[in-house]
Amino acid sequence: MKLQNILGISAGFHDAAASVINTRGEILFAGHSERYSKKKNDADIHPALLCDLGQYTIHHVAYYERPWNKQLRQLYSGQGIEWSKLTTNQILTTQLHGYFKHATVSSHNHHLSHAAGGFQTSTFDRATVVVIDAIGEWDTVSIWGAEYRNGQARYHKLWRQRYPHSIGLFYTAMTDRVGLRPMEDEYVLMGMAAYGKACYSNYLHKIARDNLHAGVDPEFLSGAQNEDIAASAQVVCEEMIYSVMRRAREFAWSTNLVYSGGVALNCLANRNLGEYFEKIWIMPCPGDSGSSLGAAALAYGGRLQFDHAYLGHDIGGPYPVDAVLHSLLDDRICGVASGKAEFGPRALGNRSLLADPRGPDIKYLVNAIKRRQRFRPFAPAILEEYVDQYFVMPDNWVDSRYMQIVGHCRRPDLYPAVTHHDGTSRIQTVPQDGSGIRLLLEAWYAETGCPLLLNTSLNIRGEPMVNDRRDANRFEEQYGVKVCS
């Protein structure tokens, strides 16, 4: 059979992204529109992203949800109908600006795209798949039995929860209530939770199954400390997630878990998933952007060759190990923009702001550069073979390369910059894979005896991550931090 290319698209509502795979299951490209437009959470495919896609001949375009079903739900919820978004062809005509107009087109269920992005990037032949997000077309939680038959992925829906009851909408409503940006700052709410007491969790339980699509009244819990609301919301969110996991386990489809949807980015809740399943996989981009890859996977049908998350815009040239190392030794902080951009919300070494994790002041220095709240911690990137010496890791994770879980730091006194108020760290283990960040960590360890670095995304709060060298130059000039390529 002639080799063909499939373009997966997630766009039209928020977090637009595009992925390209071929009919050998190779992932050729996956990137976020916001990195090109410089507009956080951009809903639309930017022309510059189309330029990167232009290097591929596209034979089929797969869209990540079914627009008509979504419009029916929006009509039901009082949002009305967007007449320009009733069909997949309408949306793709707007989003792709005439590119790939000779390709065939398919559309796929929103939650099924989430499920496929997770399962078909995993190593599992059979798995229980759990999808939890704010809302797709109608489903807000779904549980699937997934398996391969004759090399083709098959999905059996075992259970679902429908709008308006939504774990994701609950957490977003609480994000809005404490003055953060909904659909963007949920991870800040998670970090804030460590500073509060869960004294409102019983009350929040009572409203968690209400329709919170429009948020809560500004006077809701008037007088309460934001940190206590955050802590209470985190407890309630975790309890609802674990209730879903118990239900999923009781179907006894598989002891392997694939977990997807935006709520799967709550790494604090993820720490306990090993209590329910024996092996766990979360793809690096489990939210709606990742569903561009999920839709392409559904159109292809087979297992994808997923080796790493470096899939986006390419800044060519060798990884600048020596330049970054010298900057870290001299200045303790350095940016790096090299190779292909990461697919997903976490910087994993190719679009990173790196720092020496030792010493009491580095967290505040990096937070000041990034214009973030002073309380927010940073992630450690660590040589994989040393992780157990420095952190207590959760059980049953297939892969800990993508900052999706937290573990307790064994020496928070030595590494305060990467240890949160509750003693946890959101960990990125780096295996012996020959990647740039691996080579840098090896060089750093040889010089300092320290096998870890502080790793955060190369961006300023409220802005997308640096994408190309022009972005890197602007960051260097505006914020006075050297960025090596």
Foldseek 3Di string as FASTA:
>chain_A
DDKAKEKFWQADPWFTKIWIAILVQETQFIDTQQLVVFAHRHRARDVVQLVVVVVHQHAEYEYQAAQQLQQVVCVVVVNHGDVQRNGPVSRCCVRNVPPNPNHHYYYDHNVLLLQQLQPLQDPDQWAWEWEAAQATSWFRIWIWTWHDDPQFIDIDTDDTDTPPQHLHLLLQLLCVLLPHHRPPCSVVLLQLLLVEALPCLVVSLVCNRPRCNVHDDNCVVNPDDSNNSSVSSVVNSLVVVVVVLQVSLVVVSALEYGYAEPVLLSQASVLPSCVRHQAYTYPLARYSSSSSVSRSCNVSGGRHPDDFFQRHFADDDDFPQVVVLVCCVVPQKAFEAHTGAGNHDFGQRNQKIKGAQFDDCPLQVVCVLQVHDSQDAFAKEFAQVCDVVFWDGGHRYPALQRLSHKTAGPCCVGGVRQAHSNRIGSYHHDYPPPDSVVVNLVVNCVVPVDGIIGIGGCHHPSTGGNGYVVSQVVSCVPRVHHYYD
